[in-house]
């Protein structure tokens, strides 16, 4: 059975090009307005909703996604697309725990790859067992020792999956009331990622401003 994909955009030509490109793999539904999108979302069990940020109505893409979540809290993955991407919008999307942020123009290949990753991620385990007493992580059959700082960083991200932290926020939580050297944070994060390689994919840097932990990002061996 095909997964259901809802695409919301006020550009009819763009909608049709995405439909033609994706309908061999997905059951594609398209909507040009908020009302049409909500109607389709209510009628079908959507696996994905890909929503343009700038809609020709009072609501933007974030507002529409929040309304979809309110109506069906446990349903689907939500992705935002925009031709007007900037740092602030990207960070807002991360903080709203969206599953994807696509800058127009994007290729059908990149969209298909992202959707496939999200489908596979539903059944992926975190793969880490943290022993705070021993300051160690069991990862894929290996026990990795951590420093106090590395453990504090890992705990911060794992306790707040999907939440964006600026560099300043991380420094304030890890080193409260301490003036931190300019590259100190990057040095510790680099060492942590080297010890636990899956963090290279799951601890994501957002436009150089901070980090977000995606615990179920697929990691290939």
N, C-alpha and C. Protein backbone atom coordinates (compact mmCIF):
# COMPACT_ATOMS: atom_id res chain seq x y z
N UNK A 1 0.84 -1.20 0.00
CA UNK A 1 0.00 0.00 0.00
C UNK A 1 0.88 1.25 0.00
N UNK A 2 0.55 2.21 -0.85
CA UNK A 2 1.33 3.43 -0.94
C UNK A 2 1.09 4.34 0.26
N UNK A 3 2.16 5.01 0.70
CA UNK A 3 2.02 6.03 1.74
C UNK A 3 1.35 7.26 1.12
N UNK A 4 0.56 7.97 1.94
CA UNK A 4 -0.19 9.14 1.45
C UNK A 4 0.61 10.41 1.68
N UNK A 5 0.71 11.23 0.64
CA UNK A 5 1.46 12.48 0.67
C UNK A 5 0.54 13.64 0.29
N UNK A 6 0.38 14.60 1.20
CA UNK A 6 -0.39 15.81 0.94
C UNK A 6 0.59 16.95 0.63
N UNK A 7 0.37 17.62 -0.50
CA UNK A 7 1.21 18.76 -0.89
C UNK A 7 0.33 20.00 -0.97
N UNK A 8 0.73 21.05 -0.27
CA UNK A 8 -0.06 22.28 -0.21
C UNK A 8 0.76 23.44 -0.77
N UNK A 9 0.26 24.05 -1.85
CA UNK A 9 0.94 25.18 -2.48
C UNK A 9 -0.08 25.90 -3.35
N UNK A 10 0.04 27.22 -3.47
CA UNK A 10 -0.93 27.95 -4.29
C UNK A 10 -0.53 28.03 -5.76
N UNK A 11 0.57 27.39 -6.12
CA UNK A 11 1.04 27.37 -7.51
C UNK A 11 0.60 26.05 -8.15
N UNK A 12 -0.38 26.13 -9.04
CA UNK A 12 -0.95 24.94 -9.66
C UNK A 12 0.09 24.16 -10.47
N UNK A 13 0.92 24.87 -11.23
CA UNK A 13 1.93 24.19 -12.05
C UNK A 13 2.93 23.43 -11.17
N UNK A 14 3.32 24.05 -10.07
CA UNK A 14 4.26 23.41 -9.16
C UNK A 14 3.64 22.16 -8.54
N UNK A 15 2.38 22.26 -8.15
CA UNK A 15 1.68 21.10 -7.59
C UNK A 15 1.65 19.94 -8.58
N UNK A 16 1.34 20.25 -9.82
CA UNK A 16 1.23 19.19 -10.81
C UNK A 16 2.59 18.54 -11.10
N UNK A 17 3.65 19.35 -11.09
CA UNK A 17 4.97 18.77 -11.34
C UNK A 17 5.37 17.83 -10.21
N UNK A 18 5.05 18.20 -8.96
CA UNK A 18 5.34 17.31 -7.84
C UNK A 18 4.47 16.06 -7.89
N UNK A 19 3.22 16.23 -8.25
CA UNK A 19 2.34 15.06 -8.36
C UNK A 19 2.88 14.06 -9.38
N UNK A 20 3.24 14.55 -10.55
CA UNK A 20 3.75 13.67 -11.60
C UNK A 20 5.04 12.98 -11.18
N UNK A 21 5.87 13.69 -10.42
CA UNK A 21 7.14 13.12 -10.01
C UNK A 21 7.05 12.12 -8.88
N UNK A 22 5.99 12.23 -8.05
CA UNK A 22 5.92 11.42 -6.84
C UNK A 22 4.83 10.35 -6.87
N UNK A 23 3.91 10.41 -7.83
CA UNK A 23 2.74 9.54 -7.76
C UNK A 23 3.04 8.07 -8.07
N UNK A 24 4.19 7.76 -8.64
CA UNK A 24 4.51 6.35 -8.84
C UNK A 24 4.85 5.66 -7.52
N UNK A 25 5.28 6.44 -6.53
CA UNK A 25 5.68 5.89 -5.23
C UNK A 25 4.67 6.17 -4.14
N UNK A 26 3.99 7.32 -4.23
CA UNK A 26 3.09 7.75 -3.17
C UNK A 26 1.68 8.01 -3.71
N UNK A 27 0.70 7.90 -2.82
CA UNK A 27 -0.65 8.35 -3.13
C UNK A 27 -0.67 9.85 -2.86
N UNK A 28 -0.64 10.65 -3.93
CA UNK A 28 -0.43 12.09 -3.80
C UNK A 28 -1.77 12.83 -3.78
N UNK A 29 -1.91 13.73 -2.82
CA UNK A 29 -3.07 14.62 -2.72
C UNK A 29 -2.55 16.05 -2.78
N UNK A 30 -3.19 16.91 -3.55
CA UNK A 30 -2.73 18.29 -3.67
C UNK A 30 -3.83 19.26 -3.27
N UNK A 31 -3.40 20.39 -2.69
CA UNK A 31 -4.35 21.42 -2.25
C UNK A 31 -3.75 22.79 -2.51
N UNK A 32 -4.60 23.73 -2.97
CA UNK A 32 -4.14 25.09 -3.24
C UNK A 32 -4.53 26.07 -2.14
N UNK A 33 -5.33 25.61 -1.18
CA UNK A 33 -5.79 26.51 -0.12
C UNK A 33 -5.78 25.80 1.22
N UNK A 34 -5.86 26.59 2.29
CA UNK A 34 -5.90 26.04 3.64
C UNK A 34 -7.13 25.17 3.83
N UNK A 35 -8.28 25.66 3.37
CA UNK A 35 -9.51 24.90 3.53
C UNK A 35 -9.48 23.57 2.81
N UNK A 36 -8.97 23.59 1.59
CA UNK A 36 -8.87 22.35 0.81
C UNK A 36 -7.90 21.38 1.48
N UNK A 37 -6.80 21.92 2.01
CA UNK A 37 -5.80 21.07 2.68
C UNK A 37 -6.38 20.40 3.92
N UNK A 38 -7.09 21.17 4.73
CA UNK A 38 -7.67 20.61 5.96
C UNK A 38 -8.75 19.58 5.64
N UNK A 39 -9.49 19.82 4.57
CA UNK A 39 -10.51 18.86 4.16
C UNK A 39 -9.88 17.53 3.75
N UNK A 40 -8.82 17.58 2.95
CA UNK A 40 -8.13 16.36 2.54
C UNK A 40 -7.47 15.67 3.73
N UNK A 41 -6.90 16.47 4.63
CA UNK A 41 -6.22 15.92 5.80
C UNK A 41 -7.21 15.19 6.71
N UNK A 42 -8.43 15.68 6.77
CA UNK A 42 -9.46 15.05 7.60
C UNK A 42 -10.00 13.77 6.97
N UNK A 43 -10.01 13.72 5.65
CA UNK A 43 -10.58 12.57 4.95
C UNK A 43 -9.62 11.39 4.83
N UNK A 44 -8.33 11.67 4.77
CA UNK A 44 -7.34 10.63 4.50
C UNK A 44 -6.33 10.55 5.64
N UNK A 45 -5.79 9.37 5.84
CA UNK A 45 -4.73 9.18 6.83
C UNK A 45 -3.40 9.50 6.16
N UNK A 46 -2.93 10.72 6.34
CA UNK A 46 -1.73 11.18 5.65
C UNK A 46 -0.46 10.73 6.37
N UNK A 47 0.47 10.22 5.59
CA UNK A 47 1.79 9.89 6.14
C UNK A 47 2.70 11.10 6.12
N UNK A 48 2.48 12.00 5.15
CA UNK A 48 3.29 13.20 5.02
C UNK A 48 2.41 14.39 4.63
N UNK A 49 2.79 15.56 5.13
CA UNK A 49 2.19 16.81 4.66
C UNK A 49 3.34 17.76 4.34
N UNK A 50 3.46 18.12 3.06
CA UNK A 50 4.49 19.05 2.58
C UNK A 50 3.80 20.37 2.28
N UNK A 51 4.11 21.40 3.06
CA UNK A 51 3.34 22.64 3.05
C UNK A 51 4.23 23.84 2.70
N UNK A 52 3.77 24.66 1.77
CA UNK A 52 4.50 25.89 1.45
C UNK A 52 4.30 26.90 2.58
N UNK A 53 5.33 27.70 2.85
CA UNK A 53 5.23 28.65 3.96
C UNK A 53 4.32 29.82 3.60
N UNK A 54 4.46 30.36 2.41
CA UNK A 54 3.68 31.53 2.02
C UNK A 54 2.43 31.09 1.26
N UNK A 55 1.31 31.14 1.94
CA UNK A 55 0.03 30.81 1.34
C UNK A 55 -0.76 32.10 1.14
N UNK A 56 -1.64 32.12 0.15
CA UNK A 56 -2.38 33.35 -0.17
C UNK A 56 -3.60 33.51 0.74
N UNK A 57 -3.36 33.39 2.04
CA UNK A 57 -4.43 33.55 3.02
C UNK A 57 -3.82 34.08 4.31
N UNK A 58 -4.62 34.23 5.35
CA UNK A 58 -4.12 34.76 6.61
C UNK A 58 -3.12 33.82 7.26
N UNK A 59 -3.30 32.52 7.06
CA UNK A 59 -2.41 31.56 7.69
C UNK A 59 -1.15 31.34 6.86
N UNK A 60 -0.04 31.08 7.55
CA UNK A 60 1.16 30.65 6.85
C UNK A 60 1.30 29.14 7.01
N UNK A 61 2.37 28.59 6.46
CA UNK A 61 2.55 27.14 6.53
C UNK A 61 2.66 26.61 7.94
N UNK A 62 3.33 27.36 8.81
CA UNK A 62 3.44 26.93 10.21
C UNK A 62 2.06 26.85 10.86
N UNK A 63 1.22 27.85 10.60
CA UNK A 63 -0.13 27.86 11.19
C UNK A 63 -0.94 26.66 10.71
N UNK A 64 -0.85 26.37 9.42
CA UNK A 64 -1.61 25.25 8.86
C UNK A 64 -1.15 23.93 9.48
N UNK A 65 0.15 23.75 9.62
CA UNK A 65 0.67 22.52 10.22
C UNK A 65 0.21 22.38 11.66
N UNK A 66 0.22 23.48 12.41
CA UNK A 66 -0.25 23.42 13.80
C UNK A 66 -1.72 23.01 13.87
N UNK A 67 -2.53 23.51 12.93
CA UNK A 67 -3.94 23.14 12.92
C UNK A 67 -4.11 21.66 12.57
N UNK A 68 -3.32 21.17 11.63
CA UNK A 68 -3.36 19.74 11.30
C UNK A 68 -2.99 18.89 12.51
N UNK A 69 -1.97 19.30 13.22
CA UNK A 69 -1.55 18.56 14.41
C UNK A 69 -2.63 18.60 15.49
N UNK A 70 -3.31 19.73 15.60
CA UNK A 70 -4.37 19.83 16.61
C UNK A 70 -5.50 18.86 16.29
N UNK A 71 -5.81 18.71 15.02
CA UNK A 71 -6.91 17.83 14.62
C UNK A 71 -6.53 16.35 14.71
N UNK A 72 -5.30 16.03 14.38
CA UNK A 72 -4.84 14.64 14.45
C UNK A 72 -3.42 14.62 15.02
N UNK A 73 -3.29 14.65 16.34
CA UNK A 73 -1.99 14.82 17.00
C UNK A 73 -0.95 13.77 16.65
N UNK A 74 -1.35 12.54 16.39
CA UNK A 74 -0.38 11.46 16.21
C UNK A 74 -0.16 11.08 14.75
N UNK A 75 -0.65 11.90 13.84
CA UNK A 75 -0.62 11.49 12.44
C UNK A 75 0.49 12.17 11.65
N UNK A 76 1.31 11.36 10.99
CA UNK A 76 2.16 11.83 9.92
C UNK A 76 3.39 12.63 10.26
N UNK A 77 4.17 12.89 9.19
CA UNK A 77 5.35 13.74 9.25
C UNK A 77 5.02 15.06 8.54
N UNK A 78 5.52 16.16 9.09
CA UNK A 78 5.21 17.48 8.54
C UNK A 78 6.48 18.16 8.05
N UNK A 79 6.42 18.67 6.82
CA UNK A 79 7.57 19.31 6.20
C UNK A 79 7.16 20.67 5.66
N UNK A 80 8.07 21.63 5.76
CA UNK A 80 7.83 22.97 5.25
C UNK A 80 8.73 23.21 4.04
N UNK A 81 8.18 23.89 3.03
CA UNK A 81 9.00 24.30 1.88
C UNK A 81 8.82 25.79 1.67
N UNK A 82 9.85 26.45 1.16
CA UNK A 82 9.77 27.88 0.93
C UNK A 82 10.83 28.33 -0.06
N UNK A 83 10.50 29.36 -0.82
CA UNK A 83 11.47 30.00 -1.71
C UNK A 83 12.11 31.20 -1.03
N UNK A 84 11.72 31.46 0.22
CA UNK A 84 12.19 32.64 0.94
C UNK A 84 12.83 32.23 2.26
N UNK A 85 13.72 31.25 2.20
CA UNK A 85 14.33 30.71 3.42
C UNK A 85 15.30 31.72 4.02
N UNK A 86 15.27 31.82 5.34
CA UNK A 86 16.28 32.58 6.06
C UNK A 86 16.55 31.88 7.38
N UNK A 87 17.53 32.37 8.10
CA UNK A 87 17.95 31.72 9.34
C UNK A 87 16.81 31.65 10.35
N UNK A 88 16.07 32.73 10.49
CA UNK A 88 15.00 32.77 11.49
C UNK A 88 13.91 31.74 11.19
N UNK A 89 13.51 31.64 9.92
CA UNK A 89 12.46 30.69 9.55
C UNK A 89 12.94 29.25 9.76
N UNK A 90 14.19 28.99 9.43
CA UNK A 90 14.74 27.64 9.63
C UNK A 90 14.72 27.26 11.11
N UNK A 91 15.11 28.20 11.98
CA UNK A 91 15.14 27.93 13.41
C UNK A 91 13.72 27.75 13.95
N UNK A 92 12.78 28.58 13.49
CA UNK A 92 11.38 28.42 13.90
C UNK A 92 10.86 27.04 13.53
N UNK A 93 11.22 26.57 12.35
CA UNK A 93 10.76 25.26 11.89
C UNK A 93 11.32 24.15 12.74
N UNK A 94 12.58 24.28 13.14
CA UNK A 94 13.19 23.29 14.02
C UNK A 94 12.49 23.28 15.36
N UNK A 95 12.25 24.47 15.92
CA UNK A 95 11.61 24.56 17.23
C UNK A 95 10.17 24.05 17.22
N UNK A 96 9.53 24.09 16.07
CA UNK A 96 8.18 23.54 15.95
C UNK A 96 8.21 22.03 15.67
N UNK A 97 9.40 21.47 15.69
CA UNK A 97 9.61 20.03 15.52
C UNK A 97 9.08 19.52 14.18
N UNK A 98 9.32 20.30 13.15
CA UNK A 98 8.98 19.81 11.81
C UNK A 98 10.00 18.76 11.39
N UNK A 99 9.58 17.89 10.51
CA UNK A 99 10.43 16.77 10.10
C UNK A 99 11.30 17.09 8.90
N UNK A 100 11.07 18.24 8.28
CA UNK A 100 11.88 18.60 7.13
C UNK A 100 11.69 20.06 6.77
N UNK A 101 12.73 20.66 6.19
CA UNK A 101 12.71 22.06 5.77
C UNK A 101 13.38 22.12 4.40
N UNK A 102 12.60 22.39 3.36
CA UNK A 102 13.10 22.35 1.99
C UNK A 102 13.10 23.75 1.38
N UNK A 103 14.24 24.13 0.81
CA UNK A 103 14.35 25.41 0.14
C UNK A 103 14.08 25.23 -1.35
N UNK A 104 13.12 25.97 -1.87
CA UNK A 104 12.83 25.93 -3.31
C UNK A 104 13.92 26.69 -4.07
N UNK A 105 14.30 26.23 -5.25
CA UNK A 105 13.84 24.98 -5.87
C UNK A 105 14.60 23.78 -5.31
N UNK A 106 13.93 22.66 -5.18
CA UNK A 106 14.57 21.42 -4.75
C UNK A 106 14.27 20.34 -5.77
N UNK A 107 15.09 19.33 -5.79
CA UNK A 107 14.92 18.25 -6.77
C UNK A 107 13.95 17.20 -6.25
N UNK A 108 13.31 16.51 -7.17
CA UNK A 108 12.45 15.40 -6.79
C UNK A 108 13.25 14.31 -6.09
N UNK A 109 14.50 14.16 -6.49
CA UNK A 109 15.36 13.15 -5.87
C UNK A 109 15.58 13.45 -4.40
N UNK A 110 15.86 14.72 -4.08
CA UNK A 110 16.10 15.09 -2.68
C UNK A 110 14.83 14.92 -1.85
N UNK A 111 13.67 15.26 -2.41
CA UNK A 111 12.41 15.07 -1.70
C UNK A 111 12.14 13.59 -1.47
N UNK A 112 12.32 12.78 -2.49
CA UNK A 112 12.08 11.33 -2.36
C UNK A 112 13.00 10.72 -1.32
N UNK A 113 14.25 11.15 -1.30
CA UNK A 113 15.22 10.63 -0.33
C UNK A 113 14.80 10.99 1.09
N UNK A 114 14.36 12.23 1.29
CA UNK A 114 13.94 12.66 2.62
C UNK A 114 12.72 11.88 3.10
N UNK A 115 11.73 11.70 2.23
CA UNK A 115 10.53 10.96 2.62
C UNK A 115 10.86 9.50 2.94
N UNK A 116 11.75 8.90 2.17
CA UNK A 116 12.14 7.52 2.43
C UNK A 116 12.85 7.41 3.78
N UNK A 117 13.71 8.36 4.09
CA UNK A 117 14.39 8.36 5.38
C UNK A 117 13.38 8.45 6.52
N UNK A 118 12.37 9.30 6.37
CA UNK A 118 11.37 9.46 7.42
C UNK A 118 10.54 8.20 7.60
N UNK A 119 10.21 7.53 6.50
CA UNK A 119 9.47 6.27 6.61
C UNK A 119 10.28 5.23 7.37
N UNK A 120 11.55 5.14 7.06
CA UNK A 120 12.41 4.15 7.70
C UNK A 120 12.68 4.50 9.16
N UNK A 121 12.67 5.79 9.48
CA UNK A 121 13.02 6.22 10.84
C UNK A 121 11.97 5.84 11.87
N UNK A 122 10.77 5.49 11.43
CA UNK A 122 9.71 5.16 12.38
C UNK A 122 10.07 3.99 13.27
N UNK A 123 10.92 3.11 12.78
CA UNK A 123 11.23 1.90 13.53
C UNK A 123 12.69 1.84 13.98
N UNK A 124 13.38 2.99 13.90
CA UNK A 124 14.78 3.01 14.31
C UNK A 124 14.91 3.25 15.81
N UNK A 125 15.70 2.44 16.51
CA UNK A 125 15.95 2.69 17.93
C UNK A 125 16.96 3.81 18.10
N UNK A 126 17.05 4.34 19.31
CA UNK A 126 18.03 5.38 19.60
C UNK A 126 19.45 4.83 19.51
N UNK A 127 19.64 3.57 19.83
CA UNK A 127 20.91 2.86 19.72
C UNK A 127 21.92 3.24 20.79
N UNK A 128 21.54 4.03 21.77
CA UNK A 128 22.46 4.40 22.84
C UNK A 128 21.86 4.08 24.20
N UNK A 129 22.67 3.48 25.05
CA UNK A 129 22.29 3.24 26.44
C UNK A 129 23.29 3.99 27.31
N UNK A 130 22.82 5.02 27.99
CA UNK A 130 23.71 5.90 28.74
C UNK A 130 23.76 5.49 30.21
N UNK A 131 24.96 5.29 30.71
CA UNK A 131 25.19 4.96 32.12
C UNK A 131 25.81 6.19 32.77
N UNK A 132 24.99 6.99 33.43
CA UNK A 132 25.49 8.24 34.01
C UNK A 132 26.43 7.99 35.17
N UNK A 133 26.21 6.91 35.92
CA UNK A 133 27.08 6.62 37.07
C UNK A 133 28.51 6.36 36.62
N UNK A 134 28.65 5.63 35.52
CA UNK A 134 29.99 5.30 35.01
C UNK A 134 30.49 6.32 33.98
N UNK A 135 29.64 7.29 33.66
CA UNK A 135 29.96 8.26 32.60
C UNK A 135 30.37 7.52 31.32
N UNK A 136 29.47 6.65 30.87
CA UNK A 136 29.77 5.84 29.70
C UNK A 136 28.52 5.63 28.87
N UNK A 137 28.72 5.33 27.60
CA UNK A 137 27.63 5.05 26.67
C UNK A 137 27.88 3.71 26.01
N UNK A 138 26.85 2.85 26.05
CA UNK A 138 26.93 1.60 25.29
C UNK A 138 26.34 1.86 23.91
N UNK A 139 27.16 1.68 22.90
CA UNK A 139 26.78 2.04 21.54
C UNK A 139 27.21 0.94 20.58
N UNK A 140 26.23 0.22 20.02
CA UNK A 140 26.48 -0.85 19.06
C UNK A 140 27.49 -1.87 19.60
N UNK A 141 27.25 -2.29 20.84
CA UNK A 141 28.08 -3.33 21.43
C UNK A 141 29.37 -2.86 22.05
N UNK A 142 29.64 -1.58 21.98
CA UNK A 142 30.87 -1.03 22.55
C UNK A 142 30.53 -0.09 23.70
N UNK A 143 31.42 -0.03 24.69
CA UNK A 143 31.27 0.90 25.80
C UNK A 143 32.24 2.06 25.59
N UNK A 144 31.69 3.26 25.53
CA UNK A 144 32.49 4.46 25.25
C UNK A 144 32.51 5.34 26.49
N UNK A 145 33.69 5.64 26.99
CA UNK A 145 33.84 6.50 28.16
C UNK A 145 33.71 7.96 27.75
N UNK A 146 33.03 8.75 28.59
CA UNK A 146 32.84 10.17 28.33
C UNK A 146 33.41 11.01 29.47
N UNK A 147 33.80 12.23 29.15
CA UNK A 147 34.15 13.18 30.19
C UNK A 147 32.86 13.74 30.79
N UNK A 148 32.98 14.45 31.92
CA UNK A 148 31.79 15.06 32.52
C UNK A 148 31.12 16.04 31.55
N UNK A 149 31.92 16.80 30.86
CA UNK A 149 31.36 17.77 29.92
C UNK A 149 30.66 17.08 28.76
N UNK A 150 31.25 16.05 28.23
CA UNK A 150 30.63 15.31 27.12
C UNK A 150 29.33 14.66 27.56
N UNK A 151 29.30 14.11 28.77
CA UNK A 151 28.08 13.50 29.28
C UNK A 151 27.00 14.55 29.47
N UNK A 152 27.37 15.73 29.97
CA UNK A 152 26.40 16.81 30.16
C UNK A 152 25.80 17.25 28.83
N UNK A 153 26.64 17.35 27.82
CA UNK A 153 26.16 17.74 26.49
C UNK A 153 25.22 16.69 25.91
N UNK A 154 25.63 15.44 25.99
CA UNK A 154 24.80 14.36 25.45
C UNK A 154 23.46 14.31 26.18
N UNK A 155 23.47 14.45 27.48
CA UNK A 155 22.23 14.42 28.27
C UNK A 155 21.32 15.58 27.90
N UNK A 156 21.89 16.76 27.70
CA UNK A 156 21.11 17.93 27.31
C UNK A 156 20.33 17.67 26.03
N UNK A 157 21.00 17.13 25.03
CA UNK A 157 20.34 16.91 23.74
C UNK A 157 19.35 15.74 23.80
N UNK A 158 19.71 14.66 24.47
CA UNK A 158 18.83 13.49 24.51
C UNK A 158 17.56 13.77 25.32
N UNK A 159 17.64 14.66 26.29
CA UNK A 159 16.46 15.01 27.09
C UNK A 159 15.55 15.99 26.36
N UNK A 160 16.02 16.57 25.26
CA UNK A 160 15.22 17.56 24.53
C UNK A 160 15.28 17.29 23.03
N UNK A 161 14.82 16.12 22.59
CA UNK A 161 14.88 15.80 21.15
C UNK A 161 14.04 16.77 20.33
N UNK A 162 14.60 17.21 19.22
CA UNK A 162 13.87 18.10 18.33
C UNK A 162 13.88 19.56 18.74
N UNK A 163 14.50 19.89 19.88
CA UNK A 163 14.54 21.26 20.35
C UNK A 163 15.84 21.92 19.91
N UNK A 164 15.73 23.11 19.33
CA UNK A 164 16.91 23.84 18.89
C UNK A 164 17.53 24.61 20.05
N UNK A 165 18.83 24.45 20.21
CA UNK A 165 19.59 25.20 21.20
C UNK A 165 20.62 26.07 20.49
N UNK A 166 20.64 27.37 20.80
CA UNK A 166 21.70 28.22 20.27
C UNK A 166 23.01 27.86 20.96
N UNK A 167 24.10 28.30 20.38
CA UNK A 167 25.40 28.07 21.01
C UNK A 167 25.45 28.70 22.40
N UNK A 168 24.87 29.88 22.52
CA UNK A 168 24.88 30.56 23.81
C UNK A 168 24.08 29.79 24.86
N UNK A 169 22.95 29.22 24.46
CA UNK A 169 22.14 28.44 25.40
C UNK A 169 22.88 27.19 25.86
N UNK A 170 23.56 26.53 24.94
CA UNK A 170 24.33 25.33 25.32
C UNK A 170 25.43 25.69 26.30
N UNK A 171 26.16 26.75 25.99
CA UNK A 171 27.26 27.16 26.87
C UNK A 171 26.74 27.53 28.25
N UNK A 172 25.59 28.21 28.32
CA UNK A 172 25.03 28.61 29.61
C UNK A 172 24.60 27.41 30.44
N UNK A 173 24.14 26.35 29.79
CA UNK A 173 23.70 25.16 30.51
C UNK A 173 24.88 24.28 30.93
N UNK A 174 25.90 24.21 30.10
CA UNK A 174 27.04 23.34 30.39
C UNK A 174 28.05 24.02 31.31
N UNK A 175 28.26 25.31 31.09
CA UNK A 175 29.22 26.07 31.90
C UNK A 175 28.55 27.30 32.49
N UNK A 176 27.62 27.13 33.44
CA UNK A 176 26.92 28.29 34.01
C UNK A 176 27.88 29.22 34.74
N UNK A 177 27.68 30.53 34.50
CA UNK A 177 28.46 31.57 35.19
C UNK A 177 29.95 31.49 34.90
N UNK A 178 30.30 30.95 33.73
CA UNK A 178 31.70 30.83 33.34
C UNK A 178 31.88 31.46 31.96
N UNK A 179 32.94 32.25 31.80
CA UNK A 179 33.27 32.81 30.50
C UNK A 179 33.97 31.72 29.68
N UNK A 180 33.35 31.32 28.58
CA UNK A 180 33.84 30.18 27.79
C UNK A 180 34.67 30.68 26.62
N UNK A 181 35.80 30.02 26.38
CA UNK A 181 36.64 30.35 25.24
C UNK A 181 35.87 30.15 23.94
N UNK A 182 36.23 30.89 22.91
CA UNK A 182 35.48 30.95 21.66
C UNK A 182 35.23 29.58 21.05
N UNK A 183 36.24 28.73 20.97
CA UNK A 183 36.11 27.44 20.29
C UNK A 183 35.88 26.27 21.24
N UNK A 184 35.63 26.57 22.51
CA UNK A 184 35.51 25.49 23.50
C UNK A 184 34.35 24.55 23.19
N UNK A 185 33.20 25.11 22.84
CA UNK A 185 32.02 24.30 22.54
C UNK A 185 32.28 23.39 21.35
N UNK A 186 32.81 23.95 20.28
CA UNK A 186 33.07 23.15 19.08
C UNK A 186 34.07 22.03 19.35
N UNK A 187 35.05 22.30 20.18
CA UNK A 187 36.05 21.28 20.51
C UNK A 187 35.40 20.09 21.21
N UNK A 188 34.56 20.36 22.21
CA UNK A 188 33.91 19.28 22.96
C UNK A 188 32.91 18.52 22.08
N UNK A 189 32.15 19.25 21.25
CA UNK A 189 31.20 18.58 20.38
C UNK A 189 31.91 17.72 19.34
N UNK A 190 33.02 18.19 18.84
CA UNK A 190 33.80 17.41 17.88
C UNK A 190 34.29 16.11 18.50
N UNK A 191 34.75 16.17 19.74
CA UNK A 191 35.22 14.96 20.42
C UNK A 191 34.06 14.01 20.70
N UNK A 192 32.91 14.57 21.08
CA UNK A 192 31.74 13.73 21.36
C UNK A 192 31.29 13.01 20.10
N UNK A 193 31.26 13.71 18.98
CA UNK A 193 30.86 13.10 17.72
C UNK A 193 31.86 12.05 17.26
N UNK A 194 33.13 12.27 17.55
CA UNK A 194 34.15 11.29 17.18
C UNK A 194 33.99 10.00 17.99
N UNK A 195 33.58 10.13 19.26
CA UNK A 195 33.40 8.95 20.11
C UNK A 195 32.13 8.20 19.76
N UNK A 196 31.08 8.94 19.36
CA UNK A 196 29.78 8.34 19.03
C UNK A 196 29.42 8.78 17.61
N UNK A 197 29.87 8.05 16.58
CA UNK A 197 29.73 8.49 15.19
C UNK A 197 28.31 8.79 14.74
N UNK A 198 27.30 8.12 15.31
CA UNK A 198 25.93 8.39 14.86
C UNK A 198 25.51 9.83 15.13
N UNK A 199 26.19 10.50 16.08
CA UNK A 199 25.87 11.90 16.37
C UNK A 199 26.24 12.82 15.21
N UNK A 200 27.10 12.36 14.32
CA UNK A 200 27.45 13.18 13.16
C UNK A 200 26.23 13.41 12.28
N UNK A 201 25.29 12.46 12.30
CA UNK A 201 24.05 12.60 11.53
C UNK A 201 22.89 13.10 12.39
N UNK A 202 22.88 12.74 13.66
CA UNK A 202 21.71 13.03 14.49
C UNK A 202 21.81 14.32 15.29
N UNK A 203 23.02 14.82 15.48
CA UNK A 203 23.20 16.11 16.14
C UNK A 203 23.48 17.12 15.03
N UNK A 204 22.45 17.87 14.67
CA UNK A 204 22.46 18.66 13.45
C UNK A 204 22.72 20.13 13.75
N UNK A 205 23.67 20.70 13.02
CA UNK A 205 23.95 22.13 13.13
C UNK A 205 22.99 22.89 12.21
N UNK A 206 22.31 23.89 12.76
CA UNK A 206 21.32 24.66 12.00
C UNK A 206 21.91 26.02 11.64
N UNK A 207 22.30 26.15 10.39
CA UNK A 207 22.81 27.41 9.83
C UNK A 207 23.90 28.06 10.69
N UNK A 208 24.70 27.25 11.35
CA UNK A 208 25.81 27.74 12.13
C UNK A 208 25.44 28.41 13.44
N UNK A 209 24.14 28.44 13.76
CA UNK A 209 23.68 29.18 14.93
C UNK A 209 23.52 28.31 16.17
N UNK A 210 23.34 27.01 15.99
CA UNK A 210 23.11 26.13 17.13
C UNK A 210 22.87 24.72 16.66
N UNK A 211 22.30 23.89 17.56
CA UNK A 211 22.19 22.47 17.27
C UNK A 211 20.83 21.92 17.70
N UNK A 212 20.41 20.85 17.01
CA UNK A 212 19.19 20.13 17.36
C UNK A 212 19.48 18.65 17.25
N UNK A 213 18.94 17.88 18.18
CA UNK A 213 19.17 16.43 18.21
C UNK A 213 17.97 15.72 17.61
N UNK A 214 18.22 14.96 16.55
CA UNK A 214 17.19 14.15 15.90
C UNK A 214 17.49 12.68 16.18
N UNK A 215 16.89 12.09 17.22
CA UNK A 215 17.30 10.75 17.65
C UNK A 215 17.01 9.64 16.66
N UNK A 216 16.10 9.86 15.71
CA UNK A 216 15.76 8.79 14.79
C UNK A 216 16.17 9.08 13.36
N UNK A 217 17.14 9.97 13.20
CA UNK A 217 17.71 10.19 11.87
C UNK A 217 18.44 8.92 11.44
N UNK A 218 18.16 8.45 10.25
CA UNK A 218 18.75 7.20 9.80
C UNK A 218 20.26 7.36 9.62
N UNK A 219 21.02 6.38 10.12
CA UNK A 219 22.47 6.38 9.99
C UNK A 219 22.90 5.09 9.32
N UNK A 220 23.53 5.20 8.17
CA UNK A 220 24.00 4.00 7.45
C UNK A 220 25.34 3.56 8.01
N UNK A 221 25.52 2.25 8.08
CA UNK A 221 26.80 1.71 8.57
C UNK A 221 27.92 2.02 7.58
